[in-house]
Every structure is written in C-alpha cells, then in structure tokens.
C-alpha cells in the first residue's frame, strides 16, 4: 500500500528538548497511544528520498524504531485543545541526533501507521543538550593537548627540525568562536529555511490529489450567516486538504445515488476501531454533511474520541460548522450539551476564534462577548 505523505513541525522547548507535531496524527493513526508509540526519524535527502541520521540506532544497517513512552505523548496543543494533531516530546538523545541535521528536514515514521510526515524545524533552531555540549568540548580539548613532539616533526625527513619554532596555539575563548559560527549558521539557516519552506509548499501542491466534495450543512438553524459560507476544510483520500475553489465547484456537480449509498455506508458508525472508520469514510470522498452526521452519531453513541477527532481536525482546518459546533458544546453559556465535551471557557474561546478566522460571524462574536 502506498504511503500517505503528510506534514509536521519541530519546535525547540529548551536545550536538549523539542516537541514534534504531526498534523492530523491523532485523527488518522489507529494506534493505542496509552501504550506509547514506536518512531523512526530519518533525514530528508532532496524532495522524496531519505537517509539515516548519524546517531540514530540501526538494526541490520536500517534505522530501528525507538519507543516513546505515554507520558511524552499528547493529543492536545499548548493551549490544552485537542486539534487533531499528535504531539511528541523528544528526549535529549533523540534531540541531539536531530541537531546536527536540522537544516535538511526530517521524515517521521510511526509503527503500525501507513502515514509518513515530512517535518521542518519551526522558530528557533534546535539546541544540543548540556551533556552533548560538554562531551564536544572535552573532545576538542583532548585534540588541543596532543603530544608536542607530533608538532615538532619535520614533514620531509621524519626527524626533528632544530630550526622549528613552536607557536602557541590560538587561545581565543572557545565560546567566542562558537558564537561567531552560530551567528553565521543562523543567517544561512534562515535563508535555507525560507527556500525549503517554499519548495515543500510547491511539492505538497504537486502531490495533492484533486477530489470532489459537496456543500456543507449548517448545524444550528440560528447560524443564518453561515448558510452562504463556501465549503472549507475538506480532505481528499490521502488526508490532504482540498482548497475552497475545488470544493465549491463540486456544488454544481449532481451526485449519483449509488455513489451516495456507498459513501453513507462507508461512513456509518460501526463496531470497527476509530481509525478504521475514519480511513474508510475518507476513502469514499464524503461531503461535509456526511462527516457531520458521523460525528453527531458518534457523540450520541458515546464514541467520544471519534467524534472529537473529526470535529477538531476539520474545525481546525477551516470548516466553520465543525468549529462552531465544537465551540457551542464547550460553551458554558450555551444549552447544547454532550458528556463527550465538557463545558470549558478556554476551549469554547479557542473554537469561536477558529470560526472568526474564516470571516465575520455574529454567533461567534456574540458568544465571545458573553464569555468575557
């Protein structure tokens, strides 16, 4: 089965520690995260190839899976909101293996997942841990203290040269040299990062598959201003986003009844795992009404993780109805209620703001005023 290529990011937390964000990882991976997760990270070599990292463990000359424990895995972002992405905190050992290769970008593989993520460092450069820095300093000092007789040897005769005058080594403090090199690397890195970001964007657009979707339905009858919103945030069968122009074009294309039946059947709530249901549903290229129905059925049947994964992922990617629905369930002032989504002001504010990112919305604006 072909691998589905998604995108992610790496961000520095502190020296020796970084957080890995895999976009839609929580939505698309059918993994029991309570048991941790096994991961391989390789270095991106060009656009579509990869090579092992220098210090990554190998088995039979191939990168080996490294186990990430449950405590280092999160389904919530820094604001405490489930947005469909998977967040993994990397320890010193993994972080240090990434530091020296961070300009090329990385490829992330999860065990038991058919998805791979192309990852770039965002924000500040990753920094090695203190232990790695200390180890590097010791190695350099050891080289500086090489036996003096090795310096006094004649390059031509192999014997000592009586006319050779030993010069004291440069005693410029190491940290000054390191600071100069770091400044140059940061400047070059900024230029290279912009270039890679641009090329990755072009590559992502080339790989995205065009898919047909239909107009979205409005969850609340009071959301009159949402009825004319274009369909946004749809996904194709590879998990890639479909732009609004392609989605609106599908409104003019009549559906075939047999195709509709297949879509509804593929998106029906069954006893299968959350990951299987989502994978089968997305493969049938459902419209937003079908996805909204699936999330609502999951809420009513107590399939909380499934419902929130769908609502969070599509709401975060720009679908107004999904974001607004999530906000209402979380809003302490709204009568909409379900045990799967607890009433929480911070969560409600987050999703109302997601709604407003797509344009003016009276319902979201009014709700935010009441939450102040």
Protein backbone atom coordinates (compact mmCIF):
# COMPACT_ATOMS: atom_id res chain seq x y z
CA UNK A 1 0.00 0.00 0.00
CA UNK A 2 1.36 3.41 -0.90
CA UNK A 3 2.32 5.66 1.94
CA UNK A 4 0.31 8.79 2.58
CA UNK A 5 2.59 11.82 2.96
CA UNK A 6 1.59 14.48 5.49
CA UNK A 7 3.47 17.38 7.06
CA UNK A 8 4.58 18.35 10.54
CA UNK A 9 6.89 20.60 12.53
CA UNK A 10 9.65 20.54 15.16
CA UNK A 11 9.92 23.27 17.79
CA UNK A 12 12.60 23.84 20.41
CA UNK A 13 11.39 23.74 24.02
CA UNK A 14 14.79 24.19 25.66
CA UNK A 15 18.35 22.97 25.05
CA UNK A 16 18.17 19.20 24.69
CA UNK A 17 14.40 19.04 24.31
CA UNK A 18 11.97 19.58 21.40
CA UNK A 19 8.33 18.86 20.57
CA UNK A 20 7.32 17.07 17.38
CA UNK A 21 3.91 17.97 15.90
CA UNK A 22 2.41 15.51 13.40
CA UNK A 23 -0.50 17.21 11.63
CA UNK A 24 -3.70 15.09 11.82
CA UNK A 25 -1.69 12.36 13.56
CA UNK A 26 -4.37 11.84 16.20
CA UNK A 27 -7.08 11.78 13.53
CA UNK A 28 -5.53 9.33 11.09
CA UNK A 29 -3.43 6.97 13.25
CA UNK A 30 -5.23 3.89 14.57
CA UNK A 31 -2.80 3.48 17.49
CA UNK A 32 -3.37 2.89 21.19
CA UNK A 33 -1.33 5.85 22.43
CA UNK A 34 -1.81 4.72 26.05
CA UNK A 35 0.91 2.13 25.38
CA UNK A 36 3.29 4.68 23.90
CA UNK A 37 4.40 4.73 20.29
CA UNK A 38 7.40 3.49 18.30
CA UNK A 39 9.03 6.02 15.99
CA UNK A 40 11.75 6.31 13.34
CA UNK A 41 13.13 9.68 12.23
CA UNK A 42 15.32 9.92 9.13
CA UNK A 43 16.95 12.85 7.35
CA UNK A 44 15.23 14.25 4.27
CA UNK A 45 17.54 13.91 1.27
CA UNK A 46 16.22 16.01 -1.58
CA UNK A 47 12.47 16.05 -2.09
CA UNK A 48 11.32 12.42 -1.88
CA UNK A 49 14.28 10.40 -0.55
CA UNK A 50 15.64 9.92 2.97
CA UNK A 51 18.83 8.71 4.68
CA UNK A 52 19.54 7.54 8.26
CA UNK A 53 20.56 10.05 10.91
CA UNK A 54 24.18 9.88 12.08
CA UNK A 55 23.46 8.84 15.69
CA UNK A 56 20.14 7.02 15.20
CA UNK A 57 20.24 3.34 16.29
CA UNK A 58 20.43 0.78 13.49
CA UNK A 59 19.32 -2.83 13.08
CA UNK A 60 20.82 -4.69 10.10
CA UNK A 61 22.06 -1.34 8.76
CA UNK A 62 18.50 0.08 8.77
CA UNK A 63 17.02 2.64 11.22
CA UNK A 64 15.41 0.97 14.23
CA UNK A 65 12.20 2.01 15.97
CA UNK A 66 12.67 3.97 19.21
CA UNK A 67 9.93 3.72 21.84
CA UNK A 68 8.25 6.90 23.08
CA UNK A 69 6.54 6.44 26.43
CA UNK A 70 2.96 7.51 27.07
CA UNK A 71 3.95 10.48 29.26
CA UNK A 72 5.72 12.09 26.28
CA UNK A 73 2.66 11.85 24.01
CA UNK A 74 -0.16 14.41 23.91
CA UNK A 75 -3.29 14.86 21.83
CA UNK A 76 -3.67 18.49 22.96
CA UNK A 77 -1.81 21.59 21.78
CA UNK A 78 -0.06 24.10 24.06
CA UNK A 79 -3.46 25.65 24.85
CA UNK A 80 -4.84 22.33 26.05
CA UNK A 81 -7.10 21.94 22.99
CA UNK A 82 -7.48 18.72 21.00
CA UNK A 83 -6.93 19.86 17.40
CA UNK A 84 -6.44 16.52 15.65
CA UNK A 85 -2.63 16.66 15.70
CA UNK A 86 -0.27 14.37 17.61
CA UNK A 87 2.37 15.98 19.86
CA UNK A 88 5.51 14.04 20.91
CA UNK A 89 8.13 15.42 23.30
CA UNK A 90 11.60 14.26 22.23
CA UNK A 91 14.22 13.50 24.88
CA UNK A 92 17.89 14.56 24.88
CA UNK A 93 19.13 11.51 22.99
CA UNK A 94 16.73 11.97 20.06
CA UNK A 95 17.04 15.76 20.14
CA UNK A 96 20.84 15.62 19.96
CA UNK A 97 20.72 13.32 16.93
CA UNK A 98 18.49 15.86 15.16
CA UNK A 99 20.51 18.99 15.97
CA UNK A 100 23.35 18.35 13.55
CA UNK A 101 20.99 17.54 10.68
CA UNK A 102 18.16 20.02 11.19
CA UNK A 103 18.76 22.07 8.04
CA UNK A 104 17.80 19.23 5.72
CA UNK A 105 14.46 18.47 7.36
CA UNK A 106 13.23 15.07 8.50
CA UNK A 107 10.88 12.20 7.68
CA UNK A 108 8.90 10.62 10.54
CA UNK A 109 7.54 7.05 10.55
CA UNK A 110 5.20 5.63 13.20
CA UNK A 111 4.90 1.89 13.77
CA UNK A 112 1.57 0.41 12.59
CA UNK A 113 0.75 3.52 10.57
CA UNK A 114 0.65 3.88 6.79
CA UNK A 115 1.32 7.63 7.06
CA UNK A 116 4.68 9.41 6.93
CA UNK A 117 5.34 13.03 7.83
CA UNK A 118 7.79 15.47 6.25
CA UNK A 119 8.94 17.70 9.10
CA UNK A 120 10.78 21.03 9.22
CA UNK A 121 12.12 22.97 12.21
CA UNK A 122 9.95 25.99 13.02
CA UNK A 123 11.03 29.02 15.03
CA UNK A 124 14.37 28.82 16.81
CA UNK A 125 16.96 26.21 15.88
CA UNK A 126 17.09 23.04 17.97
CA UNK A 127 19.86 23.11 20.57
CA UNK A 128 22.02 20.25 21.81
CA UNK A 129 21.74 19.21 25.45
CA UNK A 130 24.31 20.32 28.01
CA UNK A 131 25.69 16.78 28.11
CA UNK A 132 26.30 16.80 24.34
CA UNK A 133 27.90 20.23 24.52
CA UNK A 134 30.15 19.12 27.37
CA UNK A 135 31.12 15.97 25.51
CA UNK A 136 32.01 18.00 22.42
CA UNK A 137 34.14 20.40 24.50
CA UNK A 138 36.10 17.51 26.03
CA UNK A 139 36.85 16.07 22.61
CA UNK A 140 38.15 19.41 21.36
CA UNK A 141 40.33 19.91 24.44
CA UNK A 142 41.77 16.43 24.01
CA UNK A 143 42.77 17.29 20.47
CA UNK A 144 44.42 20.54 21.63
CA UNK A 145 46.54 18.57 24.16
CA UNK A 146 48.11 16.24 21.58
CA UNK A 147 51.80 15.40 22.32
CA UNK A 148 54.08 18.32 21.44
CA UNK A 149 56.52 16.06 19.65
CA UNK A 150 53.93 15.45 16.94
CA UNK A 151 54.10 19.16 16.13
CA UNK A 152 57.92 19.20 16.05
CA UNK A 153 58.27 16.52 13.39
CA UNK A 154 59.67 17.56 10.02
CA UNK A 155 57.20 16.94 7.22
CA UNK A 156 60.05 15.91 4.91
CA UNK A 157 62.67 13.97 6.83
CA UNK A 158 60.62 12.35 9.56
CA UNK A 159 63.08 13.66 12.17
CA UNK A 160 63.02 16.69 14.45
CA UNK A 161 63.86 20.01 12.79
CA UNK A 162 66.25 22.04 15.04
CA UNK A 163 65.20 25.29 13.35
CA UNK A 164 61.49 24.76 14.00
CA UNK A 165 59.99 27.32 16.37
CA UNK A 166 56.85 26.26 18.21
CA UNK A 167 53.99 28.78 18.21
CA UNK A 168 51.49 28.91 20.99
CA UNK A 169 48.00 27.85 19.83
CA UNK A 170 45.31 30.48 19.49
CA UNK A 171 43.82 30.98 22.94
CA UNK A 172 40.73 32.80 21.79
CA UNK A 173 37.98 31.62 24.15
CA UNK A 174 36.01 28.74 22.66
CA UNK A 175 32.68 30.36 23.30
CA UNK A 176 33.60 33.38 21.15
CA UNK A 177 34.40 31.16 18.19
CA UNK A 178 31.22 29.18 18.81
CA UNK A 179 29.17 32.39 18.94
CA UNK A 180 30.63 33.55 15.61
CA UNK A 181 29.94 30.22 13.95
CA UNK A 182 26.44 30.13 15.41
CA UNK A 183 25.71 33.60 14.04
CA UNK A 184 26.79 32.57 10.56
CA UNK A 185 24.77 29.34 10.77
CA UNK A 186 21.64 31.18 11.91
CA UNK A 187 21.90 33.58 8.95
CA UNK A 188 22.47 30.76 6.46
CA UNK A 189 19.79 28.68 8.14
CA UNK A 190 17.19 31.42 7.84
CA UNK A 191 17.85 31.70 4.10
CA UNK A 192 17.80 27.93 3.66
CA UNK A 193 14.62 27.52 5.73
CA UNK A 194 12.70 30.01 3.60
CA UNK A 195 13.89 28.19 0.48
CA UNK A 196 12.89 24.75 1.85
CA UNK A 197 9.54 26.05 3.03
CA UNK A 198 8.80 27.36 -0.45
CA UNK A 199 9.90 24.16 -2.20
CA UNK A 200 7.99 21.99 0.30
CA UNK A 201 4.87 24.06 -0.38
CA UNK A 202 5.25 23.50 -4.13
CA UNK A 203 5.88 19.80 -3.60
CA UNK A 204 2.83 19.49 -1.37
CA UNK A 205 0.64 21.10 -4.02
CA UNK A 206 2.02 18.75 -6.71
CA UNK A 207 1.27 15.68 -4.60
CA UNK A 208 -2.22 16.70 -3.50
CA UNK A 209 -4.96 14.80 -5.28
CA UNK A 210 -7.98 16.63 -6.60
CA UNK A 211 -11.21 15.43 -5.09
CA UNK A 212 -14.86 16.37 -5.41
CA UNK A 213 -16.88 17.44 -2.35
CA UNK A 214 -20.35 18.88 -1.83
CA UNK A 215 -21.60 21.87 0.12
CA UNK A 216 -21.63 21.69 3.90
CA UNK A 217 -24.83 21.78 6.02
CA UNK A 218 -25.30 24.23 8.88
CA UNK A 219 -25.54 22.55 12.30
CA UNK A 220 -27.57 25.30 14.00
CA UNK A 221 -30.70 26.88 12.46
CA UNK A 222 -29.74 30.18 14.05
CA UNK A 223 -26.47 30.31 12.07
CA UNK A 224 -28.11 32.17 9.16
CA UNK A 225 -24.90 33.93 8.27
CA UNK A 226 -23.15 30.54 7.79
CA UNK A 227 -25.53 29.20 5.11
CA UNK A 228 -23.72 31.03 2.35
CA UNK A 229 -20.19 30.08 3.52
CA UNK A 230 -18.19 28.08 0.92
CA UNK A 231 -17.23 24.56 1.81
CA UNK A 232 -13.82 24.59 3.51
CA UNK A 233 -11.52 22.16 5.26
CA UNK A 234 -12.46 19.03 3.28
CA UNK A 235 -9.94 16.23 2.92
CA UNK A 236 -9.18 14.00 -0.01
CA UNK A 237 -8.44 10.28 0.27
CA UNK A 238 -4.79 10.89 1.19
CA UNK A 239 -5.64 13.16 4.11
CA UNK A 240 -4.64 16.29 2.18
CA UNK A 241 -6.73 19.41 2.33
CA UNK A 242 -8.93 20.36 -0.66
CA UNK A 243 -8.93 24.08 -1.43
CA UNK A 244 -12.15 26.07 -1.24
CA UNK A 245 -12.30 26.70 -5.00
CA UNK A 246 -12.34 22.96 -5.82
CA UNK A 247 -14.83 22.30 -3.03
CA UNK A 248 -17.28 25.00 -4.24
CA UNK A 249 -17.06 23.64 -7.78
CA UNK A 250 -18.47 20.34 -6.56
CA UNK A 251 -21.75 22.05 -5.67
CA UNK A 252 -22.54 22.28 -9.39
CA UNK A 253 -21.92 18.55 -9.91
CA UNK A 254 -25.00 16.35 -9.30
CA UNK A 255 -24.45 13.26 -7.13
CA UNK A 256 -25.22 9.75 -8.34
CA UNK A 257 -27.49 7.85 -5.98
CA UNK A 258 -25.34 4.71 -6.00
CA UNK A 259 -22.27 6.72 -5.08
CA UNK A 260 -24.17 8.40 -2.24
CA UNK A 261 -25.18 5.00 -0.87
CA UNK A 262 -21.56 3.82 -0.90
CA UNK A 263 -20.42 6.98 0.90
CA UNK A 264 -23.14 6.69 3.56
CA UNK A 265 -22.30 3.01 4.10
CA UNK A 266 -18.57 3.72 4.40
CA UNK A 267 -19.22 6.50 6.91
CA UNK A 268 -21.68 4.56 9.06
CA UNK A 269 -20.91 4.16 12.76
CA UNK A 270 -19.92 0.51 13.31
CA UNK A 271 -18.05 -1.60 15.86
CA UNK A 272 -14.80 -1.07 13.95
CA UNK A 273 -12.00 0.96 15.53
CA UNK A 274 -12.00 4.75 15.23
CA UNK A 275 -9.06 4.64 12.83
CA UNK A 276 -10.74 2.12 10.51
CA UNK A 277 -13.99 4.11 10.41
CA UNK A 278 -12.17 7.37 9.59
CA UNK A 279 -9.95 5.72 6.96
CA UNK A 280 -12.88 4.02 5.18
CA UNK A 281 -15.00 7.15 5.34
CA UNK A 282 -12.34 9.47 3.92
CA UNK A 283 -11.59 6.97 1.15
CA UNK A 284 -15.20 7.32 -0.07
CA UNK A 285 -14.71 11.11 -0.55
CA UNK A 286 -17.63 12.14 1.71
CA UNK A 287 -19.23 15.56 1.73
CA UNK A 288 -19.30 17.62 4.91
CA UNK A 289 -22.92 16.71 5.65
CA UNK A 290 -21.93 13.04 5.84
CA UNK A 291 -18.94 13.78 8.07
CA UNK A 292 -21.07 15.99 10.31
CA UNK A 293 -23.63 13.18 10.62
CA UNK A 294 -20.89 10.71 11.53
CA UNK A 295 -19.51 12.99 14.25
CA UNK A 296 -23.01 13.62 15.63
CA UNK A 297 -23.80 9.88 15.67
CA UNK A 298 -20.52 9.25 17.48
CA UNK A 299 -21.42 11.85 20.13
CA UNK A 300 -24.84 10.31 20.68
CA UNK A 301 -23.38 6.79 20.95
CA UNK A 302 -20.63 7.82 23.35
CA UNK A 303 -17.80 7.34 20.84
CA UNK A 304 -16.18 10.47 22.23
CA UNK A 305 -12.69 10.15 20.76
CA UNK A 306 -14.05 9.52 17.26
CA UNK A 307 -16.43 12.48 17.41
CA UNK A 308 -13.83 14.90 18.76
CA UNK A 309 -11.17 13.77 16.29
CA UNK A 310 -13.45 14.53 13.35
CA UNK A 311 -14.75 17.84 14.70
CA UNK A 312 -11.33 19.05 15.83
CA UNK A 313 -9.48 18.19 12.63
CA UNK A 314 -12.00 19.70 10.22
CA UNK A 315 -12.75 22.64 12.51
CA UNK A 316 -9.06 23.46 12.81
CA UNK A 317 -8.59 23.24 9.03
CA UNK A 318 -11.25 25.88 8.35
CA UNK A 319 -14.70 24.28 8.40
CA UNK A 320 -16.95 26.80 10.15
CA UNK A 321 -19.79 24.42 11.07
CA UNK A 322 -17.47 21.90 12.76
CA UNK A 323 -15.65 24.63 14.71
CA UNK A 324 -18.88 26.38 15.70
CA UNK A 325 -20.48 23.12 16.82
CA UNK A 326 -17.45 22.26 18.96
CA UNK A 327 -17.48 25.75 20.47
CA UNK A 328 -21.17 25.50 21.41
CA UNK A 329 -20.74 22.15 23.11
CA UNK A 330 -17.87 23.59 25.17
CA UNK A 331 -19.51 26.98 25.85
CA UNK A 332 -20.77 27.17 29.47
CA UNK A 333 -23.40 29.71 28.29
CA UNK A 334 -24.83 27.52 25.51
CA UNK A 335 -27.59 24.96 26.06
CA UNK A 336 -26.03 22.45 23.66
CA UNK A 337 -24.69 19.60 25.81
CA UNK A 338 -22.96 16.24 25.46
CA UNK A 339 -20.97 14.26 28.02
CA UNK A 340 -18.13 13.81 25.49
CA UNK A 341 -17.26 17.52 25.54
CA UNK A 342 -17.05 19.18 28.92
CA UNK A 343 -18.10 22.78 29.40
CA UNK A 344 -14.89 24.82 29.40
CA UNK A 345 -14.49 28.53 28.72
CA UNK A 346 -10.94 28.24 27.34
CA UNK A 347 -11.95 25.54 24.87
CA UNK A 348 -15.02 27.48 23.75
CA UNK A 349 -12.99 30.65 23.16
CA UNK A 350 -10.45 28.71 21.09
CA UNK A 351 -13.09 27.30 18.72
CA UNK A 352 -15.07 30.56 18.43
CA UNK A 353 -11.81 32.21 17.38
CA UNK A 354 -11.31 29.49 14.77
CA UNK A 355 -14.75 30.39 13.39
CA UNK A 356 -13.84 34.08 13.18
CA UNK A 357 -10.59 33.26 11.37
CA UNK A 358 -12.79 32.34 8.39
CA UNK A 359 -14.64 35.67 8.44
CA UNK A 360 -17.21 37.66 10.39
CA UNK A 361 -19.72 35.58 12.29
CA UNK A 362 -22.38 37.13 14.52
CA UNK A 363 -22.95 33.98 16.56
CA UNK A 364 -19.27 33.55 17.41
CA UNK A 365 -18.77 37.25 18.09
CA UNK A 366 -21.78 37.42 20.39
CA UNK A 367 -20.74 34.25 22.24
CA UNK A 368 -17.23 35.59 22.81
CA UNK A 369 -18.66 38.81 24.26
CA UNK A 370 -20.69 36.80 26.77
CA UNK A 371 -17.63 34.76 27.74
CA UNK A 372 -15.58 37.85 28.69
